[in-house]
Amino acid sequence: MFGKEKIVKTLNVEGMSCMHCVKKVETALKEVKGVKSVKVDLENKTAEVTLKEDVDTEVLKKAVEDAGYEVKE
């Protein structure tokens, strides 16, 4: 990985209220091709997504919305 920049995108996720919600969002994002890791913060309502390759934010947003949550700009 030497010489490659890490791509990290942060999404603002609305509608999470418990750790079950966090797990659902994490799972949905981890299933997106190109995602390396996901860290969801319930208190701050954010999902920090580390990517192996550039993934369009709209693809990540759709994964979260398909899981039943909303992404705010």
Protein backbone atom coordinates (compact mmCIF):
# COMPACT_ATOMS: atom_id res chain seq x y z
CA MET A 1 0.00 0.00 0.00
CA PHE A 2 3.07 2.21 -0.03
CA GLY A 3 2.55 5.31 -2.17
CA LYS A 4 -1.23 5.02 -2.26
CA GLU A 5 -3.44 7.51 -0.51
CA LYS A 6 -6.20 6.21 1.68
CA ILE A 7 -9.65 7.32 0.54
CA VAL A 8 -12.02 8.08 3.42
CA LYS A 9 -15.58 9.37 3.01
CA THR A 10 -17.82 10.45 5.86
CA LEU A 11 -21.59 10.21 5.57
CA ASN A 12 -24.11 11.88 7.89
CA VAL A 13 -26.69 9.20 8.66
CA GLU A 14 -30.12 10.03 10.07
CA GLY A 15 -32.54 7.57 11.65
CA MET A 16 -30.16 5.46 13.75
CA SER A 17 -31.27 5.05 17.35
CA CYS A 18 -29.47 1.97 18.68
CA MET A 19 -26.55 -0.40 18.15
CA HIS A 20 -28.74 -2.61 15.95
CA CYS A 21 -29.11 0.37 13.59
CA VAL A 22 -25.34 0.89 13.63
CA LYS A 23 -24.78 -2.78 12.69
CA LYS A 24 -27.30 -2.54 9.84
CA VAL A 25 -25.58 0.53 8.38
CA GLU A 26 -22.12 -1.04 8.80
CA THR A 27 -23.21 -4.25 7.10
CA ALA A 28 -24.87 -2.41 4.20
CA LEU A 29 -21.76 -0.30 3.55
CA LYS A 30 -19.33 -3.23 3.88
CA GLU A 31 -21.22 -5.04 1.11
CA VAL A 32 -20.39 -2.26 -1.38
CA LYS A 33 -17.57 -3.26 -3.75
CA GLY A 34 -14.42 -1.28 -2.99
CA VAL A 35 -15.14 -0.67 0.70
CA LYS A 36 -12.24 -1.62 2.99
CA SER A 37 -13.74 -0.76 6.39
CA VAL A 38 -16.60 1.11 8.04
CA LYS A 39 -16.82 2.88 11.40
CA VAL A 40 -20.31 4.06 12.39
CA ASP A 41 -20.72 6.55 15.24
CA LEU A 42 -24.23 6.51 16.71
CA GLU A 43 -23.73 9.63 18.85
CA ASN A 44 -22.44 11.79 15.99
CA LYS A 45 -24.68 10.09 13.40
CA THR A 46 -21.79 9.49 11.02
CA ALA A 47 -20.38 6.62 9.01
CA GLU A 48 -16.69 6.83 8.15
CA VAL A 49 -15.99 4.65 5.12
CA THR A 50 -12.41 3.70 4.18
CA LEU A 51 -12.14 2.65 0.55
CA LYS A 52 -9.76 0.37 -1.37
CA GLU A 53 -10.68 2.24 -4.55
CA ASP A 54 -12.73 5.32 -5.32
CA VAL A 55 -16.45 4.61 -4.91
CA ASP A 56 -19.07 7.17 -5.89
CA THR A 57 -20.71 8.74 -2.84
CA GLU A 58 -24.12 8.09 -4.44
CA VAL A 59 -23.42 4.33 -4.34
CA LEU A 60 -22.63 4.53 -0.62
CA LYS A 61 -25.69 6.72 -0.03
CA LYS A 62 -27.95 4.21 -1.82
CA ALA A 63 -26.62 1.34 0.33
CA VAL A 64 -27.51 3.26 3.50
CA GLU A 65 -30.94 4.23 2.15
CA ASP A 66 -31.65 0.64 1.08
CA ALA A 67 -30.92 -0.37 4.70
CA GLY A 68 -33.68 2.03 5.82
CA TYR A 69 -31.74 5.14 6.84
CA GLU A 70 -31.26 8.62 5.40
CA VAL A 71 -28.03 10.31 4.36
CA LYS A 72 -27.89 14.09 4.94
CA GLU A 73 -25.56 16.37 3.00
